[in-house]
Amino acid sequence: MSLLTPFIWILLLLPFISLAFINTKKANPKYLLYFLLYFLADSYIQIASHHYISLDFMGLKFAWAGKFISLILALTIIFSVTKKERHQIGFTTQTNLRKQLQFGILVFLGFLIFDFVFKMILFPKGAAFDLETFAFQASMPGLTEELAFRGIGFWLLDKAFEPKWNWKGIRFGWGFCIITILFAVAHGAILTPDHQFKFDIITIMYLTVISSLSMGILRKFSGSLIFPVIGHNCINVMNAIIRIL
């Protein structure tokens, strides 16, 4: 991955960021800047760790080091803010109203069932079981990416663009849209080291509409990051299981 890739991701989001500014009466660019700085720092931590930190001597092939450092960065930010702000980030065991929580879970499960059926049809099967794959997919991606995207990301962008839409008592805004799309773009667009731009529009559209949207809804309606973290890791483990069937 080229070092310019994170900037490519941001450039792809510029139309949506512009719409957010146009449609928000009192946008706060300061918090958008904070978000961009955090996102770039988190991205480069993981890129640098991939290049410079090798765990081959432990027989590990996944990006454990990068995810662990990403987790430290997120927790440093979370514990540097007030208790009220930690609650806004979703770093809490408290949840929204029971009916809101139930609605979020049901929506997520509906998307998850569709995702399972779709991938059962299209995913290649017959891969060998690998313990590290299951250990990694059941822990690190959901933990670190949810803290970054639907935790700190939601929080900063909601401060930049005040949410103005209300759905079943839950407020949504342009921050929700930006994060939902950015998550998919970061998984479907890449600039290679030799500067070839690879843009998988099918992956981006699917992740936006299915995985990212469902986890965003789960996060908003639950009020806690616990649920999207578990949901994210469930999706990853499900993908691994399907591939070995």
Protein backbone atom coordinates (compact mmCIF):
# COMPACT_ATOMS: atom_id res chain seq x y z
CA MET A 1 0.00 0.00 0.00
CA SER A 2 1.31 3.45 -0.95
CA LEU A 3 1.73 6.02 1.80
CA LEU A 4 -0.63 8.23 -0.20
CA THR A 5 -3.52 5.79 0.19
CA PRO A 6 -5.09 7.42 3.30
CA PHE A 7 -5.15 10.75 1.47
CA ILE A 8 -6.86 9.03 -1.47
CA TRP A 9 -9.53 7.78 0.92
CA ILE A 10 -10.10 11.32 2.19
CA LEU A 11 -10.23 12.73 -1.35
CA LEU A 12 -12.91 10.20 -2.25
CA LEU A 13 -14.95 11.47 0.72
CA LEU A 14 -14.63 15.16 -0.20
CA PRO A 15 -18.01 15.32 -2.04
CA PHE A 16 -19.78 14.06 1.09
CA ILE A 17 -17.79 16.37 3.37
CA SER A 18 -18.73 19.27 1.09
CA LEU A 19 -22.40 18.29 1.28
CA ALA A 20 -22.11 18.19 5.06
CA PHE A 21 -20.80 21.77 5.13
CA ILE A 22 -23.49 22.96 2.73
CA ASN A 23 -26.32 21.35 4.67
CA THR A 24 -25.15 22.13 8.22
CA LYS A 25 -26.06 25.57 9.56
CA LYS A 26 -23.26 25.78 12.11
CA ALA A 27 -20.48 23.43 11.03
CA ASN A 28 -17.38 23.33 13.23
CA PRO A 29 -14.29 22.77 11.02
CA LYS A 30 -12.08 22.37 14.09
CA TYR A 31 -13.55 18.97 14.90
CA LEU A 32 -13.38 17.90 11.26
CA LEU A 33 -9.66 18.70 11.39
CA TYR A 34 -9.31 16.69 14.61
CA PHE A 35 -11.03 13.77 12.95
CA LEU A 36 -8.81 13.92 9.86
CA LEU A 37 -5.66 14.11 12.00
CA TYR A 38 -6.79 11.13 14.08
CA PHE A 39 -7.79 9.12 11.03
CA LEU A 40 -4.45 9.79 9.32
CA ALA A 41 -2.49 9.00 12.48
CA ASP A 42 -4.37 5.72 12.94
CA SER A 43 -3.92 4.80 9.27
CA TYR A 44 -0.18 5.51 9.23
CA ILE A 45 0.35 3.63 12.48
CA GLN A 46 -1.02 0.51 10.82
CA ILE A 47 0.81 1.08 7.53
CA ALA A 48 4.12 1.69 9.32
CA SER A 49 3.69 -1.31 11.61
CA HIS A 50 3.08 -3.53 8.58
CA HIS A 51 6.37 -2.37 7.06
CA TYR A 52 8.57 -2.13 10.13
CA ILE A 53 7.21 -4.52 12.78
CA SER A 54 7.43 -8.18 11.94
CA LEU A 55 6.01 -10.92 14.13
CA ASP A 56 7.28 -13.71 11.89
CA PHE A 57 9.49 -14.94 14.71
CA MET A 58 6.29 -15.75 16.61
CA GLY A 59 4.76 -17.44 13.60
CA LEU A 60 2.08 -14.72 13.25
CA LYS A 61 1.00 -13.46 9.84
CA PHE A 62 -1.75 -11.00 10.72
CA ALA A 63 -1.32 -7.32 11.64
CA TRP A 64 -1.45 -7.83 15.40
CA ALA A 65 1.14 -5.12 16.11
CA GLY A 66 -0.60 -2.44 14.08
CA LYS A 67 -3.99 -3.21 15.58
CA PHE A 68 -2.55 -3.21 19.09
CA ILE A 69 -0.91 0.20 18.60
CA SER A 70 -4.14 1.49 17.04
CA LEU A 71 -5.97 0.31 20.15
CA ILE A 72 -3.51 2.14 22.40
CA LEU A 73 -4.01 5.37 20.42
CA ALA A 74 -7.80 5.09 20.64
CA LEU A 75 -7.77 4.34 24.37
CA THR A 76 -5.35 7.23 24.99
CA ILE A 77 -7.81 9.62 23.37
CA ILE A 78 -10.82 8.07 25.12
CA PHE A 79 -9.26 8.32 28.59
CA SER A 80 -8.04 11.87 27.95
CA VAL A 81 -11.59 13.23 27.64
CA THR A 82 -14.34 13.64 30.21
CA LYS A 83 -16.68 10.89 31.36
CA LYS A 84 -19.53 12.57 29.47
CA GLU A 85 -17.49 12.57 26.27
CA ARG A 86 -16.53 8.91 26.77
CA HIS A 87 -20.25 8.18 26.95
CA GLN A 88 -20.77 10.13 23.70
CA ILE A 89 -18.02 8.05 22.09
CA GLY A 90 -19.88 4.94 23.20
CA PHE A 91 -17.23 3.78 25.65
CA THR A 92 -19.80 2.74 28.21
CA THR A 93 -21.79 -0.26 29.36
CA GLN A 94 -24.95 1.84 29.53
CA THR A 95 -27.38 1.47 26.65
CA ASN A 96 -30.24 3.42 25.16
CA LEU A 97 -33.87 2.55 25.86
CA ARG A 98 -34.65 -1.15 25.64
CA LYS A 99 -36.88 -0.77 22.59
CA GLN A 100 -34.16 1.23 20.81
CA LEU A 101 -31.55 -1.39 21.66
CA GLN A 102 -33.84 -4.19 20.47
CA PHE A 103 -34.53 -2.37 17.21
CA GLY A 104 -30.80 -1.89 16.55
CA ILE A 105 -30.07 -5.56 17.23
CA LEU A 106 -32.93 -6.74 15.01
CA VAL A 107 -31.81 -4.53 12.12
CA PHE A 108 -28.25 -5.78 12.46
CA LEU A 109 -29.36 -9.43 12.60
CA GLY A 110 -31.47 -8.92 9.48
CA PHE A 111 -28.46 -7.59 7.59
CA LEU A 112 -26.29 -10.38 9.03
CA ILE A 113 -28.63 -13.11 7.78
CA PHE A 114 -28.66 -11.57 4.31
CA ASP A 115 -24.86 -11.27 4.43
CA PHE A 116 -24.53 -14.94 5.40
CA VAL A 117 -26.78 -16.20 2.62
CA PHE A 118 -25.11 -13.99 0.03
CA LYS A 119 -21.61 -15.10 0.99
CA MET A 120 -22.61 -18.77 1.24
CA ILE A 121 -23.53 -18.53 -2.43
CA LEU A 122 -20.51 -16.56 -3.67
CA PHE A 123 -17.57 -17.24 -1.33
CA PRO A 124 -15.06 -19.93 -2.36
CA LYS A 125 -15.10 -22.88 0.04
CA GLY A 126 -12.67 -25.54 1.16
CA ALA A 127 -9.97 -23.45 2.86
CA ALA A 128 -7.98 -25.07 5.66
CA PHE A 129 -8.74 -24.23 9.28
CA ASP A 130 -6.25 -21.78 10.75
CA LEU A 131 -6.32 -20.95 14.47
CA GLU A 132 -4.64 -17.57 14.08
CA THR A 133 -7.21 -16.50 11.51
CA PHE A 134 -10.06 -17.20 13.92
CA ALA A 135 -8.25 -15.65 16.89
CA PHE A 136 -7.49 -12.46 14.97
CA GLN A 137 -10.87 -12.10 13.27
CA ALA A 138 -12.70 -12.70 16.56
CA SER A 139 -10.86 -9.89 18.32
CA MET A 140 -8.73 -7.17 16.78
CA PRO A 141 -10.55 -5.81 13.68
CA GLY A 142 -13.84 -5.26 15.45
CA LEU A 143 -12.24 -3.84 18.57
CA THR A 144 -9.91 -1.36 16.88
CA GLU A 145 -12.02 -0.38 13.87
CA GLU A 146 -15.19 0.20 15.87
CA LEU A 147 -13.35 2.37 18.39
CA ALA A 148 -11.90 4.35 15.49
CA PHE A 149 -14.87 4.61 13.12
CA ARG A 150 -18.10 4.31 15.09
CA GLY A 151 -16.59 5.50 18.35
CA ILE A 152 -14.16 8.40 18.04
CA GLY A 153 -15.11 9.02 14.40
CA PHE A 154 -18.83 9.39 15.09
CA TRP A 155 -18.11 11.57 18.11
CA LEU A 156 -15.79 14.03 16.33
CA LEU A 157 -17.89 14.28 13.18
CA ASP A 158 -21.10 14.81 15.16
CA LYS A 159 -19.31 17.75 16.76
CA ALA A 160 -18.24 19.01 13.34
CA PHE A 161 -21.67 18.55 11.76
CA GLU A 162 -24.47 18.62 14.31
CA PRO A 163 -26.94 15.76 13.73
CA LYS A 164 -30.31 17.04 12.53
CA TRP A 165 -32.23 13.86 11.56
CA ASN A 166 -34.28 11.92 14.08
CA TRP A 167 -35.21 8.28 13.69
CA LYS A 168 -37.09 6.59 16.54
CA GLY A 169 -35.60 9.05 19.02
CA ILE A 170 -32.00 8.64 17.78
CA ARG A 171 -30.22 11.56 16.14
CA PHE A 172 -28.30 11.02 12.93
CA GLY A 173 -26.21 13.45 10.92
CA TRP A 174 -23.67 13.79 8.15
CA GLY A 175 -21.05 12.23 10.39
CA PHE A 176 -22.96 8.96 10.19
CA CYS A 177 -22.97 9.12 6.39
CA ILE A 178 -19.28 10.02 6.13
CA ILE A 179 -18.13 7.25 8.48
CA THR A 180 -20.39 4.65 6.86
CA ILE A 181 -18.89 5.36 3.44
CA LEU A 182 -15.32 5.88 4.66
CA PHE A 183 -15.28 2.45 6.32
CA ALA A 184 -16.19 0.85 2.98
CA VAL A 185 -13.78 3.00 0.95
CA ALA A 186 -10.91 2.07 3.29
CA HIS A 187 -11.61 -1.59 2.52
CA GLY A 188 -12.17 -1.24 -1.22
CA ALA A 189 -9.75 1.37 -2.56
CA ILE A 190 -5.96 1.28 -2.52
CA LEU A 191 -2.98 2.92 -4.15
CA THR A 192 -0.27 0.29 -4.61
CA PRO A 193 3.43 1.02 -3.92
CA ASP A 194 3.96 1.37 -7.69
CA HIS A 195 1.06 3.89 -7.77
CA GLN A 196 -1.59 1.74 -9.40
CA PHE A 197 -5.01 2.79 -8.19
CA LYS A 198 -7.33 -0.13 -7.43
CA PHE A 199 -10.96 0.75 -6.82
CA ASP A 200 -13.39 -2.10 -6.15
CA ILE A 201 -16.76 -0.39 -6.51
CA ILE A 202 -18.70 -3.62 -5.82
CA THR A 203 -16.92 -4.16 -2.51
CA ILE A 204 -17.38 -0.52 -1.53
CA MET A 205 -21.09 -0.51 -2.33
CA TYR A 206 -21.69 -3.83 -0.57
CA LEU A 207 -19.79 -2.88 2.56
CA THR A 208 -21.49 0.52 2.67
CA VAL A 209 -25.03 -0.81 2.36
CA ILE A 210 -24.64 -4.04 4.34
CA SER A 211 -21.82 -4.20 6.88
CA SER A 212 -21.01 -0.56 7.61
CA LEU A 213 -24.60 0.65 7.65
CA SER A 214 -25.80 -2.18 9.88
CA MET A 215 -23.01 -1.66 12.42
CA GLY A 216 -23.63 2.09 12.40
CA ILE A 217 -27.31 1.54 13.13
CA LEU A 218 -26.41 -0.95 15.87
CA ARG A 219 -24.02 1.58 17.41
CA LYS A 220 -26.51 4.45 17.31
CA PHE A 221 -29.49 2.51 18.64
CA SER A 222 -27.54 0.68 21.33
CA GLY A 223 -25.62 3.72 22.54
CA SER A 224 -22.60 1.54 23.32
CA LEU A 225 -19.61 0.33 21.33
CA ILE A 226 -19.90 -3.10 22.91
CA PHE A 227 -22.56 -4.15 20.40
CA PRO A 228 -20.87 -3.06 17.13
CA VAL A 229 -17.56 -4.53 18.34
CA ILE A 230 -19.25 -7.90 18.88
CA GLY A 231 -21.20 -7.54 15.63
CA HIS A 232 -18.09 -6.67 13.62
CA ASN A 233 -16.17 -9.65 14.94
CA CYS A 234 -19.17 -11.92 14.32
CA ILE A 235 -19.14 -10.88 10.65
CA ASN A 236 -15.41 -11.57 10.38
CA VAL A 237 -15.65 -14.97 12.08
CA MET A 238 -18.65 -15.84 9.89
CA ASN A 239 -16.57 -15.02 6.80
CA ALA A 240 -13.77 -17.30 8.02
CA ILE A 241 -16.19 -20.15 8.76
CA ILE A 242 -17.85 -19.90 5.35
CA ARG A 243 -14.48 -20.15 3.60
CA ILE A 244 -13.62 -23.48 5.29
CA LEU A 245 -17.01 -25.16 4.75
